[in-house]
Amino acid sequence: MHIEIDKDVCIGAGQCALTAPRVFTQDDDGYSTLIPDREDGAGDPMVREAARACPVGAIKVTEPAG
């Protein structure tokens, strides 16, 4: 799975970090970022729910082609 966070859209609501804390966190400025070594979602079933929970749609989750 590929996770992309649009930093220009993110408002730092933190819903992603609350929903999937093993994958998302917030940087020093309060914006969403991926936890190092978890950039692929690491099979966390809550990643898609975290993307849906984002109030501004800053998170996109896609499956790699193939």
PDB file of N, CA and C in Angstrom:
ATOM      1  N   MET A   1       0.847  -1.161   0.000  1.00  0.00           N
ATOM      2  CA  MET A   1       0.000   0.000   0.000  1.00  0.00           C
ATOM      3  C   MET A   1       0.899   1.232   0.000  1.00  0.00           C
ATOM      4  N   HIS A   2       0.442   2.273  -0.679  1.00  0.00           N
ATOM      5  CA  HIS A   2       1.187   3.536  -0.747  1.00  0.00           C
ATOM      6  C   HIS A   2       0.353   4.618  -0.064  1.00  0.00           C
ATOM      7  N   ILE A   3       0.973   5.351   0.848  1.00  0.00           N
ATOM      8  CA  ILE A   3       0.294   6.410   1.582  1.00  0.00           C
ATOM      9  C   ILE A   3       0.939   7.737   1.213  1.00  0.00           C
ATOM     10  N   GLU A   4       0.106   8.686   0.830  1.00  0.00           N
ATOM     11  CA  GLU A   4       0.600  10.013   0.472  1.00  0.00           C
ATOM     12  C   GLU A   4      -0.143  11.054   1.300  1.00  0.00           C
ATOM     13  N   ILE A   5       0.611  11.964   1.898  1.00  0.00           N
ATOM     14  CA  ILE A   5       0.029  13.056   2.681  1.00  0.00           C
ATOM     15  C   ILE A   5       0.328  14.357   1.949  1.00  0.00           C
ATOM     16  N   ASP A   6      -0.708  15.086   1.587  1.00  0.00           N
ATOM     17  CA  ASP A   6      -0.534  16.379   0.927  1.00  0.00           C
ATOM     18  C   ASP A   6      -0.307  17.429   2.003  1.00  0.00           C
ATOM     19  N   LYS A   7       0.940  17.811   2.185  1.00  0.00           N
ATOM     20  CA  LYS A   7       1.315  18.755   3.243  1.00  0.00           C
ATOM     21  C   LYS A   7       0.714  20.144   3.006  1.00  0.00           C
ATOM     22  N   ASP A   8       0.382  20.465   1.753  1.00  0.00           N
ATOM     23  CA  ASP A   8      -0.228  21.761   1.466  1.00  0.00           C
ATOM     24  C   ASP A   8      -1.696  21.806   1.870  1.00  0.00           C
ATOM     25  N   VAL A   9      -2.311  20.631   2.037  1.00  0.00           N
ATOM     26  CA  VAL A   9      -3.729  20.538   2.393  1.00  0.00           C
ATOM     27  C   VAL A   9      -3.912  20.266   3.891  1.00  0.00           C
ATOM     28  N   CYS A  10      -2.996  19.527   4.488  1.00  0.00           N
ATOM     29  CA  CYS A  10      -3.089  19.146   5.897  1.00  0.00           C
ATOM     30  C   CYS A  10      -3.235  20.374   6.793  1.00  0.00           C
ATOM     31  N   ILE A  11      -4.186  20.278   7.732  1.00  0.00           N
ATOM     32  CA  ILE A  11      -4.399  21.373   8.689  1.00  0.00           C
ATOM     33  C   ILE A  11      -3.978  20.986  10.108  1.00  0.00           C
ATOM     34  N   GLY A  12      -3.474  19.768  10.275  1.00  0.00           N
ATOM     35  CA  GLY A  12      -3.006  19.336  11.586  1.00  0.00           C
ATOM     36  C   GLY A  12      -4.101  18.934  12.548  1.00  0.00           C
ATOM     37  N   ALA A  13      -5.230  18.462  12.028  1.00  0.00           N
ATOM     38  CA  ALA A  13      -6.341  18.054  12.893  1.00  0.00           C
ATOM     39  C   ALA A  13      -5.975  16.847  13.762  1.00  0.00           C
ATOM     40  N   GLY A  14      -5.091  15.983  13.275  1.00  0.00           N
ATOM     41  CA  GLY A  14      -4.624  14.853  14.066  1.00  0.00           C
ATOM     42  C   GLY A  14      -5.510  13.627  14.055  1.00  0.00           C
ATOM     43  N   GLN A  15      -6.558  13.627  13.261  1.00  0.00           N
ATOM     44  CA  GLN A  15      -7.457  12.472  13.222  1.00  0.00           C
ATOM     45  C   GLN A  15      -6.738  11.216  12.735  1.00  0.00           C
ATOM     46  N   CYS A  16      -5.790  11.371  11.824  1.00  0.00           N
ATOM     47  CA  CYS A  16      -5.056  10.215  11.322  1.00  0.00           C
ATOM     48  C   CYS A  16      -4.234   9.573  12.440  1.00  0.00           C
ATOM     49  N   ALA A  17      -3.550  10.395  13.227  1.00  0.00           N
ATOM     50  CA  ALA A  17      -2.732   9.886  14.325  1.00  0.00           C
ATOM     51  C   ALA A  17      -3.583   9.240  15.415  1.00  0.00           C
ATOM     52  N   LEU A  18      -4.782   9.746  15.607  1.00  0.00           N
ATOM     53  CA  LEU A  18      -5.688   9.141  16.585  1.00  0.00           C
ATOM     54  C   LEU A  18      -6.250   7.817  16.080  1.00  0.00           C
ATOM     55  N   THR A  19      -6.496   7.731  14.778  1.00  0.00           N
ATOM     56  CA  THR A  19      -7.115   6.543  14.193  1.00  0.00           C
ATOM     57  C   THR A  19      -6.113   5.419  13.954  1.00  0.00           C
ATOM     58  N   ALA A  20      -4.925   5.757  13.454  1.00  0.00           N
ATOM     59  CA  ALA A  20      -3.902   4.743  13.156  1.00  0.00           C
ATOM     60  C   ALA A  20      -2.560   5.192  13.741  1.00  0.00           C
ATOM     61  N   PRO A  21      -2.434   5.171  15.057  1.00  0.00           N
ATOM     62  CA  PRO A  21      -1.226   5.700  15.706  1.00  0.00           C
ATOM     63  C   PRO A  21       0.046   4.908  15.434  1.00  0.00           C
ATOM     64  N   ARG A  22      -0.060   3.698  14.902  1.00  0.00           N
ATOM     65  CA  ARG A  22       1.140   2.922  14.571  1.00  0.00           C
ATOM     66  C   ARG A  22       1.722   3.330  13.229  1.00  0.00           C
ATOM     67  N   VAL A  23       0.970   4.147  12.465  1.00  0.00           N
ATOM     68  CA  VAL A  23       1.413   4.565  11.130  1.00  0.00           C
ATOM     69  C   VAL A  23       1.605   6.077  11.039  1.00  0.00           C
ATOM     70  N   PHE A  24       0.690   6.844  11.637  1.00  0.00           N
ATOM     71  CA  PHE A  24       0.728   8.305  11.538  1.00  0.00           C
ATOM     72  C   PHE A  24       1.128   8.949  12.858  1.00  0.00           C
ATOM     73  N   THR A  25       1.781  10.082  12.744  1.00  0.00           N
ATOM     74  CA  THR A  25       2.091  10.914  13.895  1.00  0.00           C
ATOM     75  C   THR A  25       2.023  12.361  13.416  1.00  0.00           C
ATOM     76  N   GLN A  26       2.361  13.280  14.282  1.00  0.00           N
ATOM     77  CA  GLN A  26       2.387  14.689  13.891  1.00  0.00           C
ATOM     78  C   GLN A  26       3.803  15.218  14.083  1.00  0.00           C
ATOM     79  N   ASP A  27       4.234  16.058  13.123  1.00  0.00           N
ATOM     80  CA  ASP A  27       5.578  16.620  13.203  1.00  0.00           C
ATOM     81  C   ASP A  27       5.621  17.761  14.224  1.00  0.00           C
ATOM     82  N   ASP A  28       6.760  18.403  14.332  1.00  0.00           N
ATOM     83  CA  ASP A  28       6.928  19.474  15.328  1.00  0.00           C
ATOM     84  C   ASP A  28       5.991  20.648  15.105  1.00  0.00           C
ATOM     85  N   ASP A  29       5.499  20.813  13.872  1.00  0.00           N
ATOM     86  CA  ASP A  29       4.562  21.886  13.569  1.00  0.00           C
ATOM     87  C   ASP A  29       3.109  21.454  13.709  1.00  0.00           C
ATOM     88  N   GLY A  30       2.887  20.175  14.052  1.00  0.00           N
ATOM     89  CA  GLY A  30       1.534  19.674  14.265  1.00  0.00           C
ATOM     90  C   GLY A  30       0.885  19.061  13.038  1.00  0.00           C
ATOM     91  N   TYR A  31       1.646  18.924  11.941  1.00  0.00           N
ATOM     92  CA  TYR A  31       1.080  18.368  10.717  1.00  0.00           C
ATOM     93  C   TYR A  31       1.340  16.873  10.625  1.00  0.00           C
ATOM     94  N   SER A  32       0.472  16.198   9.889  1.00  0.00           N
ATOM     95  CA  SER A  32       0.557  14.755   9.743  1.00  0.00           C
ATOM     96  C   SER A  32       1.839  14.332   9.050  1.00  0.00           C
ATOM     97  N   THR A  33       2.393  13.239   9.540  1.00  0.00           N
ATOM     98  CA  THR A  33       3.558  12.624   8.920  1.00  0.00           C
ATOM     99  C   THR A  33       3.509  11.131   9.225  1.00  0.00           C
ATOM    100  N   LEU A  34       4.240  10.372   8.442  1.00  0.00           N
ATOM    101  CA  LEU A  34       4.288   8.924   8.645  1.00  0.00           C
ATOM    102  C   LEU A  34       5.403   8.583   9.618  1.00  0.00           C
ATOM    103  N   ILE A  35       5.161   7.601  10.438  1.00  0.00           N
ATOM    104  CA  ILE A  35       6.186   7.113  11.351  1.00  0.00           C
ATOM    105  C   ILE A  35       7.248   6.413  10.507  1.00  0.00           C
ATOM    106  N   PRO A  36       8.530   6.719  10.734  1.00  0.00           N
ATOM    107  CA  PRO A  36       9.587   6.061   9.960  1.00  0.00           C
ATOM    108  C   PRO A  36       9.442   4.538   9.989  1.00  0.00           C
ATOM    109  N   ASP A  37       9.706   3.930   8.861  1.00  0.00           N
ATOM    110  CA  ASP A  37       9.602   2.479   8.653  1.00  0.00           C
ATOM    111  C   ASP A  37       8.162   1.976   8.634  1.00  0.00           C
ATOM    112  N   ARG A  38       7.192   2.899   8.583  1.00  0.00           N
ATOM    113  CA  ARG A  38       5.783   2.502   8.485  1.00  0.00           C
ATOM    114  C   ARG A  38       5.145   3.139   7.246  1.00  0.00           C
ATOM    115  N   GLU A  39       5.973   3.643   6.319  1.00  0.00           N
ATOM    116  CA  GLU A  39       5.491   4.376   5.156  1.00  0.00           C
ATOM    117  C   GLU A  39       4.554   3.561   4.268  1.00  0.00           C
ATOM    118  N   ASP A  40       4.615   2.241   4.366  1.00  0.00           N
ATOM    119  CA  ASP A  40       3.746   1.401   3.540  1.00  0.00           C
ATOM    120  C   ASP A  40       2.484   0.973   4.287  1.00  0.00           C
ATOM    121  N   GLY A  41       2.293   1.498   5.467  1.00  0.00           N
ATOM    122  CA  GLY A  41       1.121   1.149   6.260  1.00  0.00           C
ATOM    123  C   GLY A  41       1.308  -0.108   7.068  1.00  0.00           C
ATOM    124  N   ALA A  42       2.332  -0.879   6.728  1.00  0.00           N
ATOM    125  CA  ALA A  42       2.698  -2.095   7.461  1.00  0.00           C
ATOM    126  C   ALA A  42       1.506  -2.987   7.772  1.00  0.00           C
ATOM    127  N   GLY A  43       0.553  -3.049   6.855  1.00  0.00           N
ATOM    128  CA  GLY A  43      -0.596  -3.929   7.024  1.00  0.00           C
ATOM    129  C   GLY A  43      -1.599  -3.464   8.068  1.00  0.00           C
ATOM    130  N   ASP A  44      -1.480  -2.254   8.539  1.00  0.00           N
ATOM    131  CA  ASP A  44      -2.406  -1.746   9.556  1.00  0.00           C
ATOM    132  C   ASP A  44      -3.791  -1.563   8.938  1.00  0.00           C
ATOM    133  N   PRO A  45      -4.798  -2.251   9.451  1.00  0.00           N
ATOM    134  CA  PRO A  45      -6.142  -2.163   8.882  1.00  0.00           C
ATOM    135  C   PRO A  45      -6.808  -0.798   9.084  1.00  0.00           C
ATOM    136  N   MET A  46      -6.244   0.041   9.919  1.00  0.00           N
ATOM    137  CA  MET A  46      -6.853   1.342  10.199  1.00  0.00           C
ATOM    138  C   MET A  46      -6.363   2.461   9.281  1.00  0.00           C
ATOM    139  N   VAL A  47      -5.413   2.170   8.381  1.00  0.00           N
ATOM    140  CA  VAL A  47      -4.865   3.211   7.513  1.00  0.00           C
ATOM    141  C   VAL A  47      -5.942   3.834   6.645  1.00  0.00           C
ATOM    142  N   ARG A  48      -6.768   3.011   6.014  1.00  0.00           N
ATOM    143  CA  ARG A  48      -7.835   3.545   5.164  1.00  0.00           C
ATOM    144  C   ARG A  48      -8.855   4.344   5.984  1.00  0.00           C
ATOM    145  N   GLU A  49      -9.138   3.892   7.163  1.00  0.00           N
ATOM    146  CA  GLU A  49     -10.060   4.629   8.034  1.00  0.00           C
ATOM    147  C   GLU A  49      -9.452   5.971   8.432  1.00  0.00           C
ATOM    148  N   ALA A  50      -8.147   6.002   8.666  1.00  0.00           N
ATOM    149  CA  ALA A  50      -7.472   7.256   8.995  1.00  0.00           C
ATOM    150  C   ALA A  50      -7.577   8.237   7.836  1.00  0.00           C
ATOM    151  N   ALA A  51      -7.428   7.748   6.610  1.00  0.00           N
ATOM    152  CA  ALA A  51      -7.569   8.612   5.432  1.00  0.00           C
ATOM    153  C   ALA A  51      -8.990   9.162   5.351  1.00  0.00           C
ATOM    154  N   ARG A  52      -9.984   8.327   5.631  1.00  0.00           N
ATOM    155  CA  ARG A  52     -11.381   8.783   5.613  1.00  0.00           C
ATOM    156  C   ARG A  52     -11.662   9.783   6.733  1.00  0.00           C
ATOM    157  N   ALA A  53     -10.964   9.644   7.846  1.00  0.00           N
ATOM    158  CA  ALA A  53     -11.193  10.521   8.990  1.00  0.00           C
ATOM    159  C   ALA A  53     -10.596  11.914   8.800  1.00  0.00           C
ATOM    160  N   CYS A  54      -9.699  12.058   7.839  1.00  0.00           N
ATOM    161  CA  CYS A  54      -9.070  13.374   7.614  1.00  0.00           C
ATOM    162  C   CYS A  54     -10.134  14.363   7.148  1.00  0.00           C
ATOM    163  N   PRO A  55     -10.339  15.451   7.895  1.00  0.00           N
ATOM    164  CA  PRO A  55     -11.412  16.382   7.550  1.00  0.00           C
ATOM    165  C   PRO A  55     -11.186  17.169   6.263  1.00  0.00           C
ATOM    166  N   VAL A  56      -9.947  17.196   5.770  1.00  0.00           N
ATOM    167  CA  VAL A  56      -9.657  17.950   4.542  1.00  0.00           C
ATOM    168  C   VAL A  56      -9.196  17.053   3.398  1.00  0.00           C
ATOM    169  N   GLY A  57      -9.206  15.737   3.599  1.00  0.00           N
ATOM    170  CA  GLY A  57      -8.827  14.805   2.540  1.00  0.00           C
ATOM    171  C   GLY A  57      -7.370  14.882   2.130  1.00  0.00           C
ATOM    172  N   ALA A  58      -6.482  15.138   3.080  1.00  0.00           N
ATOM    173  CA  ALA A  58      -5.070  15.290   2.776  1.00  0.00           C
ATOM    174  C   ALA A  58      -4.342  13.966   2.603  1.00  0.00           C
ATOM    175  N   ILE A  59      -4.994  12.844   2.932  1.00  0.00           N
ATOM    176  CA  ILE A  59      -4.330  11.536   2.873  1.00  0.00           C
ATOM    177  C   ILE A  59      -4.938  10.704   1.757  1.00  0.00           C
ATOM    178  N   LYS A  60      -4.067  10.170   0.903  1.00  0.00           N
ATOM    179  CA  LYS A  60      -4.478   9.274  -0.172  1.00  0.00           C
ATOM    180  C   LYS A  60      -3.809   7.929   0.034  1.00  0.00           C
ATOM    181  N   VAL A  61      -4.587   6.862  -0.037  1.00  0.00           N
ATOM    182  CA  VAL A  61      -4.070   5.505   0.112  1.00  0.00           C
ATOM    183  C   VAL A  61      -4.351   4.766  -1.182  1.00  0.00           C
ATOM    184  N   THR A  62      -3.299   4.226  -1.804  1.00  0.00           N
ATOM    185  CA  THR A  62      -3.459   3.487  -3.048  1.00  0.00           C
ATOM    186  C   THR A  62      -2.731   2.154  -2.949  1.00  0.00           C
ATOM    187  N   GLU A  63      -3.151   1.245  -3.790  1.00  0.00           N
ATOM    188  CA  GLU A  63      -2.486  -0.049  -3.893  1.00  0.00           C
ATOM    189  C   GLU A  63      -1.522   0.013  -5.076  1.00  0.00           C
ATOM    190  N   PRO A  64      -0.331  -0.547  -4.946  1.00  0.00           N
ATOM    191  CA  PRO A  64       0.599  -0.541  -6.064  1.00  0.00           C
ATOM    192  C   PRO A  64       0.058  -1.385  -7.226  1.00  0.00           C
ATOM    193  N   ALA A  65       0.350  -0.963  -8.432  1.00  0.00           N
ATOM    194  CA  ALA A  65      -0.078  -1.715  -9.620  1.00  0.00           C
ATOM    195  C   ALA A  65       0.648  -3.031  -9.681  1.00  0.00           C
ATOM    196  N   GLY A  66      -0.058  -4.041 -10.153  1.00  0.00           N
ATOM    197  CA  GLY A  66       0.642  -5.322 -10.327  1.00  0.00           C
ATOM    198  C   GLY A  66      -0.013  -6.425  -9.715  1.00  0.00           C
TER     199      GLY A  66
END
